[in-house]
Amino acid sequence: MKYVNARDALPPELFGEIQEYLGGKVIYVPQKEENKVCWGQNTGARREVEARNLEIFLEYANGARVRDLMEKFRLSESSIRKIVSGSAPRR
């Protein structure tokens, strides 16, 4: 999330009103519901995680040990086991 200085982003009248009520405080203004996207959709992170999980699953199916996968992918044992069992949460 990128922070924006309200002085630069808002009309002076609105900035003055907000400054009156919240001067010096940090606030979060959520997006409108219709503008929201799923996690990783804009950055490609979701595809990267899915590709990594598929690689883990395939290596395990081809005989890789959980301990080796933990070290290679720097994940906990429970994370690896969720991925190889197919119960890893989908985002």
C-alpha atoms as a PDB file:
ATOM      1  CA  MET A   1       0.000   0.000   0.000  1.00  0.00           C
ATOM      2  CA  LYS A   2       1.414   3.374  -0.968  1.00  0.00           C
ATOM      3  CA  TYR A   3       0.926   6.360   1.305  1.00  0.00           C
ATOM      4  CA  VAL A   4      -0.139   9.659  -0.208  1.00  0.00           C
ATOM      5  CA  ASN A   5       0.079  13.067   1.452  1.00  0.00           C
ATOM      6  CA  ALA A   6      -3.494  14.297   1.827  1.00  0.00           C
ATOM      7  CA  ARG A   7      -2.353  17.865   1.078  1.00  0.00           C
ATOM      8  CA  ASP A   8      -1.298  16.675  -2.393  1.00  0.00           C
ATOM      9  CA  ALA A   9      -4.318  14.464  -3.064  1.00  0.00           C
ATOM     10  CA  LEU A  10      -7.328  16.451  -1.834  1.00  0.00           C
ATOM     11  CA  PRO A  11      -8.909  19.787  -2.733  1.00  0.00           C
ATOM     12  CA  PRO A  12      -7.829  22.469  -0.209  1.00  0.00           C
ATOM     13  CA  GLU A  13     -11.315  22.785   1.346  1.00  0.00           C
ATOM     14  CA  LEU A  14     -11.631  19.049   1.953  1.00  0.00           C
ATOM     15  CA  PHE A  15      -8.041  18.840   3.205  1.00  0.00           C
ATOM     16  CA  GLY A  16      -8.774  21.602   5.719  1.00  0.00           C
ATOM     17  CA  GLU A  17     -11.850  19.786   7.039  1.00  0.00           C
ATOM     18  CA  ILE A  18     -10.035  16.473   7.387  1.00  0.00           C
ATOM     19  CA  GLN A  19      -7.084  18.208   9.016  1.00  0.00           C
ATOM     20  CA  GLU A  20      -9.475  19.755  11.542  1.00  0.00           C
ATOM     21  CA  TYR A  21     -10.757  16.309  12.611  1.00  0.00           C
ATOM     22  CA  LEU A  22      -7.741  14.050  12.077  1.00  0.00           C
ATOM     23  CA  GLY A  23      -4.664  16.282  11.950  1.00  0.00           C
ATOM     24  CA  GLY A  24      -1.514  14.208  12.381  1.00  0.00           C
ATOM     25  CA  LYS A  25      -3.271  10.840  12.448  1.00  0.00           C
ATOM     26  CA  VAL A  26      -2.875   8.061   9.900  1.00  0.00           C
ATOM     27  CA  ILE A  27      -6.131   6.850   8.377  1.00  0.00           C
ATOM     28  CA  TYR A  28      -6.986   4.162   5.862  1.00  0.00           C
ATOM     29  CA  VAL A  29      -9.509   4.827   3.112  1.00  0.00           C
ATOM     30  CA  PRO A  30     -10.675   1.494   1.681  1.00  0.00           C
ATOM     31  CA  GLN A  31     -11.463   1.003  -1.982  1.00  0.00           C
ATOM     32  CA  LYS A  32     -15.020   0.816  -3.186  1.00  0.00           C
ATOM     33  CA  GLU A  33     -16.278  -2.770  -3.284  1.00  0.00           C
ATOM     34  CA  GLU A  34     -16.563  -2.707  -7.071  1.00  0.00           C
ATOM     35  CA  ASN A  35     -12.861  -1.791  -7.395  1.00  0.00           C
ATOM     36  CA  LYS A  36     -11.513  -4.577  -5.195  1.00  0.00           C
ATOM     37  CA  VAL A  37      -9.494  -7.409  -6.699  1.00  0.00           C
ATOM     38  CA  CYS A  38      -8.369 -10.732  -5.270  1.00  0.00           C
ATOM     39  CA  TRP A  39      -5.023 -11.102  -3.539  1.00  0.00           C
ATOM     40  CA  GLY A  40      -2.117 -11.185  -5.991  1.00  0.00           C
ATOM     41  CA  GLN A  41      -4.243 -10.412  -9.032  1.00  0.00           C
ATOM     42  CA  ASN A  42      -2.464  -7.155  -9.867  1.00  0.00           C
ATOM     43  CA  THR A  43       1.070  -8.187  -8.908  1.00  0.00           C
ATOM     44  CA  GLY A  44       1.183 -11.720 -10.274  1.00  0.00           C
ATOM     45  CA  ALA A  45       2.008 -13.066  -6.805  1.00  0.00           C
ATOM     46  CA  ARG A  46      -0.932 -15.437  -6.935  1.00  0.00           C
ATOM     47  CA  ARG A  47       0.346 -17.073 -10.129  1.00  0.00           C
ATOM     48  CA  GLU A  48       3.829 -17.350  -8.623  1.00  0.00           C
ATOM     49  CA  VAL A  49       2.512 -19.103  -5.501  1.00  0.00           C
ATOM     50  CA  GLU A  50       0.365 -21.451  -7.582  1.00  0.00           C
ATOM     51  CA  ALA A  51       3.341 -22.309  -9.815  1.00  0.00           C
ATOM     52  CA  ARG A  52       5.537 -22.903  -6.747  1.00  0.00           C
ATOM     53  CA  ASN A  53       2.890 -25.130  -5.159  1.00  0.00           C
ATOM     54  CA  LEU A  54       2.554 -27.154  -8.357  1.00  0.00           C
ATOM     55  CA  GLU A  55       6.330 -27.602  -8.465  1.00  0.00           C
ATOM     56  CA  ILE A  56       6.301 -28.789  -4.835  1.00  0.00           C
ATOM     57  CA  PHE A  57       3.430 -31.186  -5.537  1.00  0.00           C
ATOM     58  CA  LEU A  58       5.136 -32.661  -8.603  1.00  0.00           C
ATOM     59  CA  GLU A  59       8.492 -33.073  -6.866  1.00  0.00           C
ATOM     60  CA  TYR A  60       6.782 -34.827  -3.961  1.00  0.00           C
ATOM     61  CA  ALA A  61       4.862 -37.076  -6.364  1.00  0.00           C
ATOM     62  CA  ASN A  62       8.194 -37.981  -7.963  1.00  0.00           C
ATOM     63  CA  GLY A  63       9.696 -39.039  -4.648  1.00  0.00           C
ATOM     64  CA  ALA A  64      11.095 -35.902  -3.030  1.00  0.00           C
ATOM     65  CA  ARG A  65      11.072 -35.992   0.763  1.00  0.00           C
ATOM     66  CA  VAL A  66       9.153 -33.405   2.797  1.00  0.00           C
ATOM     67  CA  ARG A  67      12.355 -32.394   4.622  1.00  0.00           C
ATOM     68  CA  ASP A  68      14.110 -31.685   1.307  1.00  0.00           C
ATOM     69  CA  LEU A  69      11.164 -29.652   0.042  1.00  0.00           C
ATOM     70  CA  MET A  70      11.117 -27.663   3.302  1.00  0.00           C
ATOM     71  CA  GLU A  71      14.740 -26.690   2.804  1.00  0.00           C
ATOM     72  CA  LYS A  72      14.478 -26.003  -0.914  1.00  0.00           C
ATOM     73  CA  PHE A  73      11.367 -23.822  -0.702  1.00  0.00           C
ATOM     74  CA  ARG A  74      11.957 -22.457   2.810  1.00  0.00           C
ATOM     75  CA  LEU A  75       8.530 -23.492   4.036  1.00  0.00           C
ATOM     76  CA  SER A  76       7.365 -25.172   7.221  1.00  0.00           C
ATOM     77  CA  GLU A  77       6.561 -28.851   7.353  1.00  0.00           C
ATOM     78  CA  SER A  78       2.858 -28.096   7.788  1.00  0.00           C
ATOM     79  CA  SER A  79       2.877 -25.836   4.695  1.00  0.00           C
ATOM     80  CA  ILE A  80       4.534 -28.518   2.575  1.00  0.00           C
ATOM     81  CA  ARG A  81       2.128 -31.178   3.845  1.00  0.00           C
ATOM     82  CA  LYS A  82      -0.880 -28.973   3.029  1.00  0.00           C
ATOM     83  CA  ILE A  83       0.417 -28.428  -0.494  1.00  0.00           C
ATOM     84  CA  VAL A  84       1.174 -32.079  -1.208  1.00  0.00           C
ATOM     85  CA  SER A  85      -2.153 -33.232   0.247  1.00  0.00           C
ATOM     86  CA  GLY A  86      -4.049 -30.738  -1.891  1.00  0.00           C
ATOM     87  CA  SER A  87      -5.485 -28.953   1.140  1.00  0.00           C
ATOM     88  CA  ALA A  88      -3.446 -25.755   0.792  1.00  0.00           C
ATOM     89  CA  PRO A  89      -5.855 -22.786   0.858  1.00  0.00           C
ATOM     90  CA  ARG A  90      -6.576 -21.255  -2.533  1.00  0.00           C
ATOM     91  CA  ARG A  91      -6.496 -17.501  -2.618  1.00  0.00           C
END
